[in-house]
Amino acid sequence: MISAPYLLTDPFLQLPTENSVRVVWFTEFAGTQHTVFYGENLKQTAKANTIKLSRTREDQKSRVANQIQDGQVYQKPVGRDIWRHEAEVTGLTPGVRVNYRVASVGEDGGSVSSDVFTLAATPKPGTPLKILLTSDHQLKPMTSANLQKVVETVGRVDGVWFAGDLVNISDRASEWFDDNNGSALFPGLQGRAKYEMTHDGVKTTYTGGKIIQHAPMFTCIGNHEVMGRFARTGGLNDEFDDTIPHAVAEKLYPDKSPIDHSFNTVTYEEILTLPTSQEGGKKYYAVSFGDVRLVVLYITNMWRTPKLDAQAKGRYQEAEKDFNNPENWGYGQVIYEPIAKGSKQYNWLETELNSPEFKQAKYKVVMFHHPPHTLGDNIVPAYTNPVQTIERNGPNIKAVRYEYPKDADYIIRDVVPMLETANVQLVFYGHSHLWNRFVSPSEMHFLETSNVGNTYGAAWGERKREVPINYQEDYVKLGDPNGLEPILPTIAPLLGEDGKAMPYVASNEITVFSIFDTGTGAISSYRFDTRKADSEVVKFDEFKLK
């Protein structure tokens, strides 16, 4: 018996222009006649182009369909057939919203349609917009509650800026589409999630919000969008962790593609349609959206544990068992795309910051994943290429260690001064799973608003970062390593156990989202206590861009 066709996702919006927008959706069947119906009485049509995703898989760690424990269905990575459909809706007028829905016909001739949503061309300058600032969803516990409260609090937003780490393991299909825990990426952003939270015996189900069906999303690459050496290990978690620098891969595999033998962003780039640059493709780009020029950079590195466990492939050392097997080394926190002065990305950024589109924009915003300023743990060590030291006892290796010279931090040394000179008003990022913000002496704002759950805490008060001792560098245990003081929330800061206002939110029970109102220049941050479904959403901070 052939089951009826169904849509794996609702449609969502990508790459708006002054007279068009792309509509994208996914199915688990190749099908035929994938169509967008739009306009008055949905009489106009746009045919979709279809591709099959090339690397989406499930494995023993997936939580999907009948697999609720490790290895019940999948004992190793197995390809999952998913088709992506994209149609371009043209002839749009800026400022005019248009109804649309999508439909797909299955192999048996049965048809399935979405609900009706709205789309629009890219907004003209002068149009007041509400933009959701978010990051680091990664199937975290509070994501669905967070996105549900966005819609309940501010209504329909006009755009989404997502500062990386959309999922945990980029090639694991269910993390994008239908993980059993109810907080996969697309269900949360489309109001189709079903995440249950229980506090004091009371169960609440959060559904996320219908957001990207109506609003285009612009994303940057975080460390979790990057996969390692393809199919070299027995599971997708290990494959994600198995990244090595391109230069090392060229030596180990001189006749092989670095895409398969170093690291790659294949699935991320297949799933999303984004603006592009000639130099960086989808990896880094710039786009005008209303009064904003948004510059998106590829600034992220491989997260490795700070623990000095002899068995750990970590930030500061290799695992003892791998000393004589360099092909298994992690090579520290590998930087995926150069951004140092003189690099291709740096030169592209320099050109963009001098472009008429950038200079004439009312608001100049730069988004990337790795924090330039934060109280979070992930800012240590410095954002620079690891300096390797191999210690020997005669012919035998006794340690492989990595240092990260602070004065060579590419973000602080090379990027931030250029942004200051270009009068950037806001730098937006994520990675540390908390909320905090900073202001430089030139009044450039830095905002990290990535607290949707599984926070790693803040290096503040008595709580210190885990840093190595007996290393050359002085790794900072408390505060922002790059010298700025965090700004206290301006309206309703949370209080610490000592009764004092805290300059951050790092909680596994209180979630945060931020909204940029381009009509007023205000960026407002809201918090919601997920322990009580009827608790109020509290605006706790607001500041304005000049």
Protein backbone atom coordinates (compact mmCIF):
# COMPACT_ATOMS: atom_id res chain seq x y z
CA MET A 1 0.00 0.00 0.00
CA ILE A 2 1.42 3.39 -1.01
CA SER A 3 1.07 6.03 1.71
CA ALA A 4 -0.36 9.43 0.82
CA PRO A 5 2.26 12.08 -0.03
CA TYR A 6 3.04 14.69 2.58
CA LEU A 7 5.21 17.80 2.82
CA LEU A 8 8.30 17.38 4.97
CA THR A 9 8.24 21.14 5.63
CA ASP A 10 6.00 24.08 5.07
CA PRO A 11 7.29 26.45 2.40
CA PHE A 12 9.71 29.15 3.50
CA LEU A 13 11.12 32.30 1.90
CA GLN A 14 14.65 32.90 0.66
CA LEU A 15 16.60 35.48 -1.35
CA PRO A 16 14.11 38.32 -1.87
CA THR A 17 14.87 40.91 -4.56
CA GLU A 18 13.11 44.15 -5.49
CA ASN A 19 10.56 42.20 -7.54
CA SER A 20 10.89 38.51 -6.60
CA VAL A 21 11.41 35.97 -3.84
CA ARG A 22 12.26 32.26 -3.75
CA VAL A 23 9.87 29.76 -2.17
CA VAL A 24 11.45 26.52 -0.89
CA TRP A 25 9.99 23.32 0.55
CA PHE A 26 11.01 19.68 1.05
CA THR A 27 9.44 16.27 0.49
CA GLU A 28 10.51 12.65 0.89
CA PHE A 29 9.37 11.82 -2.63
CA ALA A 30 10.67 13.00 -5.99
CA GLY A 31 7.17 13.56 -7.31
CA THR A 32 6.06 15.85 -10.11
CA GLN A 33 4.40 19.22 -10.61
CA HIS A 34 5.88 21.02 -7.63
CA THR A 35 4.17 24.39 -7.89
CA VAL A 36 3.65 27.69 -6.07
CA PHE A 37 0.17 29.19 -6.44
CA TYR A 38 0.07 32.89 -5.62
CA GLY A 39 -1.64 36.23 -6.14
CA GLU A 40 -5.32 37.07 -6.26
CA ASN A 41 -7.33 33.89 -5.71
CA LEU A 42 -3.99 32.01 -6.05
CA LYS A 43 -4.42 32.02 -9.83
CA GLN A 44 -0.79 32.63 -10.75
CA THR A 45 1.72 29.79 -10.73
CA ALA A 46 5.48 29.29 -10.54
CA LYS A 47 7.05 25.92 -11.25
CA ALA A 48 9.76 24.63 -8.93
CA ASN A 49 13.14 23.18 -9.73
CA THR A 50 13.90 20.03 -7.74
CA ILE A 51 17.15 18.58 -6.45
CA LYS A 52 17.88 15.61 -4.21
CA LEU A 53 20.02 16.36 -1.16
CA SER A 54 23.31 14.52 -1.53
CA ARG A 55 24.52 13.97 2.05
CA THR A 56 21.53 13.87 4.38
CA ARG A 57 21.68 10.70 6.47
CA GLU A 58 20.48 9.12 9.70
CA ASP A 59 22.63 7.05 12.05
CA GLN A 60 22.66 5.25 15.37
CA LYS A 61 22.31 8.53 17.29
CA SER A 62 19.30 9.78 15.30
CA ARG A 63 16.01 10.18 17.11
CA VAL A 64 13.55 9.82 14.27
CA ALA A 65 10.42 7.75 13.51
CA ASN A 66 10.75 4.38 15.28
CA GLN A 67 14.26 4.97 16.61
CA ILE A 68 13.97 6.23 20.18
CA GLN A 69 17.22 4.70 21.45
CA ASP A 70 20.68 4.33 19.95
CA GLY A 71 20.89 1.88 17.08
CA GLN A 72 17.33 0.58 17.07
CA VAL A 73 16.89 1.16 13.34
CA TYR A 74 20.23 2.54 12.12
CA GLN A 75 23.48 0.88 13.18
CA LYS A 76 25.59 3.14 10.95
CA PRO A 77 25.03 6.20 8.75
CA VAL A 78 22.37 5.48 6.11
CA GLY A 79 21.37 7.86 3.35
CA ARG A 80 17.94 9.46 3.62
CA ASP A 81 16.24 10.50 0.39
CA ILE A 82 14.99 14.08 0.60
CA TRP A 83 14.04 16.35 -2.28
CA ARG A 84 14.22 20.13 -2.25
CA HIS A 85 11.85 22.20 -4.35
CA GLU A 86 12.44 25.87 -5.16
CA ALA A 87 10.36 28.24 -7.26
CA GLU A 88 10.96 31.91 -7.99
CA VAL A 89 7.89 34.11 -7.67
CA THR A 90 8.35 37.20 -9.84
CA GLY A 91 6.48 40.40 -10.70
CA LEU A 92 6.19 41.52 -7.08
CA THR A 93 5.75 45.12 -5.92
CA PRO A 94 7.77 46.22 -2.87
CA GLY A 95 5.55 46.77 0.14
CA VAL A 96 2.70 44.61 -1.18
CA ARG A 97 2.19 41.23 0.47
CA VAL A 98 0.84 38.42 -1.66
CA ASN A 99 -0.89 35.19 -0.63
CA TYR A 100 0.68 31.90 -1.68
CA ARG A 101 0.65 28.17 -1.09
CA VAL A 102 2.61 25.26 -2.53
CA ALA A 103 1.54 21.89 -3.87
CA SER A 104 3.39 18.71 -4.83
CA VAL A 105 2.15 15.65 -6.72
CA GLY A 106 3.45 12.24 -5.62
CA GLU A 107 4.40 9.27 -7.77
CA ASP A 108 0.91 7.80 -7.38
CA GLY A 109 -0.72 10.99 -8.63
CA GLY A 110 -1.89 12.10 -5.22
CA SER A 111 -1.47 15.79 -4.43
CA VAL A 112 -0.58 17.54 -1.18
CA SER A 113 -0.77 21.27 -0.48
CA SER A 114 0.38 23.66 2.21
CA ASP A 115 -1.72 26.23 4.02
CA VAL A 116 -1.85 29.75 2.60
CA PHE A 117 0.90 32.13 3.71
CA THR A 118 2.16 35.53 2.51
CA LEU A 119 5.27 36.61 0.65
CA ALA A 120 6.78 39.93 -0.44
CA ALA A 121 9.65 41.44 -2.36
CA THR A 122 12.62 42.85 -0.47
CA PRO A 123 11.52 46.02 1.34
CA LYS A 124 12.53 49.46 0.09
CA PRO A 125 14.66 51.81 2.19
CA GLY A 126 12.46 53.76 4.57
CA THR A 127 10.24 50.75 5.31
CA PRO A 128 10.01 50.08 9.07
CA LEU A 129 10.83 46.44 9.74
CA LYS A 130 10.89 44.03 12.68
CA ILE A 131 13.79 41.60 12.38
CA LEU A 132 14.28 38.59 14.65
CA LEU A 133 17.86 38.12 15.85
CA THR A 134 18.55 34.52 16.86
CA SER A 135 21.20 31.79 16.83
CA ASP A 136 22.35 28.42 18.15
CA HIS A 137 19.05 26.54 18.05
CA GLN A 138 20.70 23.10 17.84
CA LEU A 139 17.52 21.30 18.99
CA LYS A 140 17.96 22.91 22.41
CA PRO A 141 15.21 22.53 25.00
CA MET A 142 13.82 26.07 24.98
CA THR A 143 13.88 26.72 21.22
CA SER A 144 10.21 25.97 20.55
CA ALA A 145 9.06 28.08 23.50
CA ASN A 146 11.37 30.88 22.39
CA LEU A 147 9.98 31.02 18.84
CA GLN A 148 6.38 30.66 19.97
CA LYS A 149 6.79 33.69 22.23
CA VAL A 150 8.34 35.71 19.38
CA VAL A 151 5.08 35.47 17.42
CA GLU A 152 2.87 35.94 20.47
CA THR A 153 4.83 39.04 21.52
CA VAL A 154 5.61 40.95 18.30
CA GLY A 155 3.45 39.28 15.67
CA ARG A 156 4.75 38.61 12.18
CA VAL A 157 8.39 39.60 11.74
CA ASP A 158 9.77 40.83 8.42
CA GLY A 159 13.06 38.94 8.45
CA VAL A 160 15.22 36.56 10.44
CA TRP A 161 18.96 36.93 11.01
CA PHE A 162 20.43 33.67 12.25
CA ALA A 163 24.00 33.85 13.58
CA GLY A 164 24.93 30.21 13.00
CA ASP A 165 24.57 26.77 14.58
CA LEU A 166 21.17 25.99 13.11
CA VAL A 167 21.50 22.29 14.04
CA ASN A 168 24.02 20.07 15.82
CA ILE A 169 25.11 17.65 13.09
CA SER A 170 24.54 19.20 9.68
CA ASP A 171 24.26 15.95 7.70
CA ARG A 172 21.74 14.36 10.11
CA ALA A 173 18.48 14.92 8.26
CA SER A 174 16.14 14.63 11.23
CA GLU A 175 17.81 17.57 12.99
CA TRP A 176 16.58 19.82 10.19
CA PHE A 177 13.19 18.22 9.60
CA ASP A 178 11.63 15.85 12.14
CA ASP A 179 13.65 14.88 15.18
CA ASN A 180 11.46 13.02 17.69
CA ASN A 181 12.21 15.45 20.52
CA GLY A 182 10.06 18.03 18.73
CA SER A 183 12.59 20.82 18.24
CA ALA A 184 14.15 20.24 14.82
CA LEU A 185 15.02 23.44 12.97
CA PHE A 186 12.20 23.81 10.47
CA PRO A 187 9.31 22.74 12.76
CA GLY A 188 10.39 25.35 15.32
CA LEU A 189 10.59 28.18 12.80
CA GLN A 190 7.32 27.12 11.17
CA GLY A 191 5.08 26.57 14.21
CA ARG A 192 4.97 22.80 13.70
CA ALA A 193 7.10 21.78 16.68
CA LYS A 194 5.84 19.69 19.56
CA TYR A 195 8.27 20.07 22.42
CA GLU A 196 7.04 19.10 25.87
CA MET A 197 8.40 20.77 28.99
CA THR A 198 7.37 19.71 32.50
CA HIS A 199 7.81 21.85 35.63
CA ASP A 200 6.29 21.04 39.02
CA GLY A 201 4.24 18.27 37.45
CA VAL A 202 2.65 20.58 34.86
CA LYS A 203 3.27 19.66 31.23
CA THR A 204 3.32 22.33 28.52
CA THR A 205 3.71 21.71 24.80
CA TYR A 206 5.39 24.47 22.79
CA THR A 207 4.93 24.62 19.03
CA GLY A 208 7.39 27.26 17.86
CA GLY A 209 6.16 30.04 15.58
CA LYS A 210 5.00 30.47 11.99
CA ILE A 211 7.87 32.72 11.05
CA ILE A 212 9.83 31.78 7.94
CA GLN A 213 6.71 30.98 5.89
CA HIS A 214 6.24 34.79 5.81
CA ALA A 215 9.75 36.20 6.39
CA PRO A 216 13.06 35.53 4.59
CA MET A 217 15.91 34.15 6.67
CA PHE A 218 19.56 35.15 6.31
CA THR A 219 22.09 32.88 7.99
CA CYS A 220 25.80 32.57 8.61
CA ILE A 221 27.89 29.46 9.08
CA GLY A 222 28.54 28.34 12.63
CA ASN A 223 30.83 25.52 13.65
CA HIS A 224 27.89 23.07 13.64
CA GLU A 225 27.17 23.71 9.96
CA VAL A 226 30.57 22.19 9.12
CA MET A 227 31.09 18.44 8.67
CA GLY A 228 34.45 16.65 8.79
CA ARG A 229 35.99 13.88 6.71
CA PHE A 230 33.19 12.12 4.84
CA ALA A 231 32.31 8.53 5.84
CA ARG A 232 35.67 7.84 7.53
CA THR A 233 34.10 7.00 10.90
CA GLY A 234 31.20 4.88 12.04
CA GLY A 235 28.81 7.65 13.11
CA LEU A 236 27.80 11.19 12.21
CA ASN A 237 28.87 12.62 15.58
CA ASP A 238 32.39 11.32 14.99
CA GLU A 239 32.34 12.52 11.39
CA PHE A 240 31.41 16.02 12.56
CA ASP A 241 34.36 15.95 14.98
CA ASP A 242 36.75 14.62 12.33
CA THR A 243 37.83 17.92 10.78
CA ILE A 244 41.40 18.67 9.78
CA PRO A 245 42.94 21.69 8.03
CA HIS A 246 42.95 21.70 4.23
CA ALA A 247 46.76 21.85 4.20
CA VAL A 248 46.98 18.68 6.29
CA ALA A 249 44.44 16.94 4.06
CA GLU A 250 46.47 17.80 0.98
CA LYS A 251 49.47 16.01 2.49
CA LEU A 252 47.50 12.99 3.75
CA TYR A 253 45.36 12.65 0.63
CA PRO A 254 47.27 14.33 -2.23
CA ASP A 255 44.99 12.92 -4.92
CA LYS A 256 41.66 13.42 -3.11
CA SER A 257 39.15 16.26 -2.86
CA PRO A 258 39.43 18.39 0.31
CA ILE A 259 35.62 18.48 0.44
CA ASP A 260 35.60 14.80 1.40
CA HIS A 261 38.84 14.68 3.34
CA SER A 262 39.04 17.90 5.35
CA PHE A 263 35.73 19.66 6.08
CA ASN A 264 32.69 20.81 4.16
CA THR A 265 29.39 22.73 4.30
CA VAL A 266 27.65 20.76 1.54
CA THR A 267 24.33 20.11 3.30
CA TYR A 268 24.03 23.68 4.63
CA GLU A 269 24.59 25.06 1.14
CA GLU A 270 22.16 22.60 -0.47
CA ILE A 271 19.36 23.38 1.99
CA LEU A 272 19.54 27.19 1.92
CA THR A 273 19.34 29.71 -0.92
CA LEU A 274 21.29 32.77 0.18
CA PRO A 275 22.85 35.86 -1.34
CA THR A 276 26.32 35.17 -2.70
CA SER A 277 29.60 36.93 -3.25
CA GLN A 278 31.91 36.17 -6.15
CA GLU A 279 34.70 35.30 -3.72
CA GLY A 280 32.82 33.46 -0.99
CA GLY A 281 29.67 32.09 -2.61
CA LYS A 282 27.08 31.48 0.12
CA LYS A 283 29.77 31.35 2.80
CA TYR A 284 30.10 35.14 3.09
CA TYR A 285 28.02 37.82 1.43
CA ALA A 286 26.31 41.18 1.81
CA VAL A 287 22.67 42.10 1.23
CA SER A 288 20.52 45.22 1.44
CA PHE A 289 17.21 44.78 3.27
CA GLY A 290 15.16 47.91 3.85
CA ASP A 291 17.35 50.44 5.62
CA VAL A 292 19.97 47.83 6.53
CA ARG A 293 23.13 46.67 4.83
CA LEU A 294 23.81 43.27 6.38
CA VAL A 295 27.33 41.88 5.96
CA VAL A 296 27.63 38.17 6.74
CA LEU A 297 31.07 36.67 7.42
CA TYR A 298 32.39 33.11 7.75
CA ILE A 299 34.10 33.44 11.13
CA THR A 300 33.97 30.18 13.05
CA ASN A 301 36.28 27.38 14.11
CA MET A 302 36.07 23.78 15.28
CA TRP A 303 34.87 23.56 18.88
CA ARG A 304 37.08 21.25 20.91
CA THR A 305 36.97 20.48 24.60
CA PRO A 306 39.05 22.65 26.95
CA LYS A 307 39.66 19.65 29.22
CA LEU A 308 43.24 18.46 29.62
CA ASP A 309 42.18 14.83 29.73
CA ALA A 310 44.90 12.57 28.31
CA GLN A 311 42.24 10.83 26.19
CA ALA A 312 40.72 14.02 24.81
CA LYS A 313 41.30 15.47 21.36
CA GLY A 314 41.07 18.99 22.71
CA ARG A 315 41.72 22.67 22.22
CA TYR A 316 45.12 22.51 23.82
CA GLN A 317 46.37 18.98 23.15
CA GLU A 318 46.01 15.74 21.23
CA ALA A 319 44.82 12.52 22.80
CA GLU A 320 47.66 10.39 24.12
CA LYS A 321 46.46 7.33 22.18
CA ASP A 322 46.89 9.23 18.88
CA PHE A 323 50.43 10.56 19.40
CA ASN A 324 51.81 8.22 16.74
CA ASN A 325 48.77 8.45 14.45
CA PRO A 326 48.74 11.99 13.03
CA GLU A 327 45.88 11.10 10.71
CA ASN A 328 43.69 11.03 13.86
CA TRP A 329 44.86 14.36 15.25
CA GLY A 330 42.37 17.20 15.60
CA TYR A 331 44.93 19.99 15.11
CA GLY A 332 43.31 22.16 17.76
CA GLN A 333 40.52 24.62 17.04
CA VAL A 334 40.78 24.63 13.26
CA ILE A 335 39.73 27.94 11.65
CA TYR A 336 37.60 27.08 8.63
CA GLU A 337 37.99 30.22 6.53
CA PRO A 338 40.86 32.72 6.80
CA ILE A 339 39.87 36.24 7.89
CA ALA A 340 43.32 37.61 8.78
CA LYS A 341 44.48 40.76 7.03
CA GLY A 342 45.40 39.94 3.43
CA SER A 343 43.16 36.88 3.18
CA LYS A 344 40.56 36.59 0.42
CA GLN A 345 37.67 37.11 2.84
CA TYR A 346 39.37 40.08 4.50
CA ASN A 347 39.99 41.72 1.12
CA TRP A 348 36.38 41.11 0.10
CA LEU A 349 35.19 42.68 3.38
CA GLU A 350 37.40 45.71 2.83
CA THR A 351 35.87 46.20 -0.62
CA GLU A 352 32.33 45.76 0.71
CA LEU A 353 32.84 48.31 3.49
CA ASN A 354 33.85 50.84 0.84
CA SER A 355 30.93 50.08 -1.50
CA PRO A 356 28.15 52.61 -2.17
CA GLU A 357 25.55 50.10 -0.95
CA PHE A 358 27.27 49.87 2.41
CA LYS A 359 28.18 53.54 2.84
CA GLN A 360 24.70 54.80 1.94
CA ALA A 361 22.82 52.40 4.24
CA LYS A 362 21.14 53.90 7.30
CA TYR A 363 22.08 50.87 9.39
CA LYS A 364 25.31 48.96 8.93
CA VAL A 365 25.28 45.52 10.58
CA VAL A 366 27.84 42.70 10.52
CA MET A 367 26.89 39.13 11.48
CA PHE A 368 29.14 36.14 12.13
CA HIS A 369 29.23 33.26 14.59
CA HIS A 370 32.34 33.51 16.78
CA PRO A 371 32.20 36.15 19.54
CA PRO A 372 34.55 39.14 19.53
CA HIS A 373 33.35 40.04 23.05
CA THR A 374 31.50 37.77 25.49
CA LEU A 375 31.32 36.45 29.02
CA GLY A 376 30.88 32.99 27.52
CA ASP A 377 33.45 30.22 27.54
CA ASN A 378 33.88 29.85 23.79
CA ILE A 379 35.85 33.07 23.30
CA VAL A 380 38.92 31.46 24.91
CA PRO A 381 41.44 30.81 23.46
CA ALA A 382 42.10 33.61 20.98
CA TYR A 383 40.68 33.34 17.46
CA THR A 384 43.92 32.50 15.70
CA ASN A 385 45.59 29.52 14.07
CA PRO A 386 46.84 27.02 16.66
CA VAL A 387 50.60 26.97 17.18
CA GLN A 388 51.62 23.33 17.52
CA THR A 389 54.40 22.10 19.81
CA ILE A 390 55.50 18.45 19.81
CA GLU A 391 57.37 17.40 22.93
CA ARG A 392 59.56 14.30 22.67
CA ASN A 393 61.38 11.94 24.94
CA GLY A 394 64.01 10.71 22.53
CA PRO A 395 62.16 9.38 19.47
CA ASN A 396 58.88 9.05 21.38
CA ILE A 397 56.21 11.75 21.46
CA LYS A 398 55.18 12.63 25.00
CA ALA A 399 52.85 15.55 24.20
CA VAL A 400 51.28 17.42 21.28
CA ARG A 401 50.16 20.83 22.49
CA TYR A 402 48.58 23.95 21.00
CA GLU A 403 48.94 27.60 21.93
CA TYR A 404 46.85 30.53 20.69
CA PRO A 405 48.74 33.85 20.91
CA LYS A 406 46.32 36.51 22.09
CA ASP A 407 48.01 39.30 20.13
CA ALA A 408 47.27 37.33 16.94
CA ASP A 409 43.48 37.21 17.43
CA TYR A 410 42.27 37.84 13.87
CA ILE A 411 38.87 39.22 14.92
CA ILE A 412 40.23 41.76 17.40
CA ARG A 413 43.47 42.59 15.58
CA ASP A 414 42.23 42.72 11.99
CA VAL A 415 38.44 42.75 11.67
CA VAL A 416 37.08 44.94 14.48
CA PRO A 417 39.31 47.97 13.74
CA MET A 418 38.14 47.89 10.12
CA LEU A 419 34.50 47.75 11.24
CA GLU A 420 35.05 50.67 13.60
CA THR A 421 36.55 52.76 10.80
CA ALA A 422 33.59 51.90 8.55
CA ASN A 423 31.08 53.11 11.19
CA VAL A 424 29.39 49.75 11.68
CA GLN A 425 26.71 50.22 14.33
CA LEU A 426 26.08 46.59 15.31
CA VAL A 427 28.06 43.36 15.36
CA PHE A 428 25.75 40.39 15.97
CA TYR A 429 26.98 36.86 16.82
CA GLY A 430 26.34 33.74 18.93
CA HIS A 431 28.23 30.58 19.93
CA SER A 432 28.23 30.81 23.76
CA HIS A 433 24.53 30.13 24.41
CA LEU A 434 23.81 33.22 26.48
CA TRP A 435 22.72 36.85 26.20
CA ASN A 436 25.11 39.71 26.79
CA ARG A 437 26.11 42.90 25.06
CA PHE A 438 28.95 45.39 24.91
CA VAL A 439 29.69 48.86 23.50
CA SER A 440 33.06 50.03 22.24
CA PRO A 441 34.42 53.54 22.90
CA SER A 442 33.32 54.52 19.37
CA GLU A 443 29.77 53.35 20.25
CA MET A 444 29.80 50.25 18.07
CA HIS A 445 27.43 47.73 19.68
CA PHE A 446 28.16 44.02 20.15
CA LEU A 447 25.20 41.70 20.81
CA GLU A 448 25.14 37.99 21.56
CA THR A 449 21.59 36.69 21.92
CA SER A 450 21.80 32.93 21.74
CA ASN A 451 20.11 31.64 24.88
CA VAL A 452 17.59 29.01 23.81
CA GLY A 453 18.79 26.34 26.24
CA ASN A 454 21.78 24.26 27.28
CA THR A 455 23.66 27.34 28.34
CA TYR A 456 27.29 26.89 29.31
CA GLY A 457 27.17 29.74 31.80
CA ALA A 458 29.02 33.01 32.07
CA ALA A 459 32.55 33.70 33.31
CA TRP A 460 31.40 36.13 35.95
CA GLY A 461 31.59 36.31 39.74
CA GLU A 462 32.73 32.99 41.16
CA ARG A 463 32.22 31.01 37.96
CA LYS A 464 35.45 30.79 35.95
CA ARG A 465 36.31 29.42 32.53
CA GLU A 466 38.16 26.15 32.26
CA VAL A 467 41.62 27.17 31.04
CA PRO A 468 44.95 25.34 31.02
CA ILE A 469 47.77 26.01 33.43
CA ASN A 470 51.49 25.67 32.68
CA TYR A 471 50.97 27.02 29.16
CA GLN A 472 52.78 30.02 27.72
CA GLU A 473 49.68 32.09 27.09
CA ASP A 474 47.62 33.75 29.82
CA TYR A 475 44.11 32.44 29.11
CA VAL A 476 41.51 34.69 30.74
CA LYS A 477 39.29 33.03 33.34
CA LEU A 478 36.77 35.84 34.02
CA GLY A 479 35.02 38.56 32.05
CA ASP A 480 35.55 39.54 28.45
CA PRO A 481 39.11 38.59 27.42
CA ASN A 482 39.16 41.45 24.94
CA GLY A 483 38.71 44.25 27.42
CA LEU A 484 35.12 45.52 27.31
CA GLU A 485 32.79 45.65 30.29
CA PRO A 486 29.36 44.06 29.77
CA ILE A 487 26.38 46.43 29.68
CA LEU A 488 23.68 45.99 32.31
CA PRO A 489 20.22 45.47 30.81
CA THR A 490 18.51 48.85 30.74
CA ILE A 491 14.98 47.87 31.82
CA ALA A 492 14.67 44.72 33.96
CA PRO A 493 17.94 42.85 34.55
CA LEU A 494 17.87 39.52 36.31
CA LEU A 495 19.23 39.51 39.83
CA GLY A 496 21.94 37.19 41.05
CA GLU A 497 21.93 35.30 44.34
CA ASP A 498 23.55 38.33 45.93
CA GLY A 499 20.64 40.54 44.85
CA LYS A 500 22.73 42.47 42.35
CA ALA A 501 21.75 43.03 38.74
CA MET A 502 23.49 40.68 36.30
CA PRO A 503 24.84 41.85 32.92
CA TYR A 504 23.89 38.61 31.19
CA VAL A 505 21.27 35.87 30.92
CA ALA A 506 22.62 32.33 31.09
CA SER A 507 19.81 29.99 32.02
CA ASN A 508 18.32 26.64 31.12
CA GLU A 509 14.88 27.87 32.21
CA ILE A 510 14.69 31.47 31.01
CA THR A 511 14.97 31.98 27.26
CA VAL A 512 15.77 35.19 25.36
CA PHE A 513 15.05 36.65 21.93
CA SER A 514 15.85 40.03 20.39
CA ILE A 515 14.00 42.19 17.86
CA PHE A 516 15.53 44.95 15.71
CA ASP A 517 12.96 47.64 14.86
CA THR A 518 14.44 49.50 11.90
CA GLY A 519 11.75 52.18 12.14
CA THR A 520 13.09 53.41 15.48
CA GLY A 521 16.59 51.91 15.45
CA ALA A 522 15.79 50.10 18.70
CA ILE A 523 16.99 46.60 19.50
CA SER A 524 14.82 45.12 22.23
CA SER A 525 15.55 41.91 24.13
CA TYR A 526 12.83 39.86 25.80
CA ARG A 527 12.93 36.99 28.26
CA PHE A 528 10.43 34.29 29.09
CA ASP A 529 10.45 31.84 32.01
CA THR A 530 9.60 28.47 30.48
CA ARG A 531 8.79 26.98 33.88
CA LYS A 532 5.39 28.70 33.81
CA ALA A 533 3.46 28.64 30.55
CA ASP A 534 1.36 31.62 31.67
CA SER A 535 4.30 33.77 32.77
CA GLU A 536 4.73 37.12 31.07
CA VAL A 537 7.25 37.88 28.36
CA VAL A 538 9.44 40.64 29.84
CA LYS A 539 11.28 43.24 27.81
CA PHE A 540 14.46 43.53 29.85
CA ASP A 541 16.82 45.52 27.62
CA GLU A 542 16.68 48.07 24.85
CA PHE A 543 19.22 50.23 23.06
CA LYS A 544 19.20 52.27 19.87
CA LEU A 545 21.54 52.38 16.94
CA LYS A 546 22.52 55.87 15.85
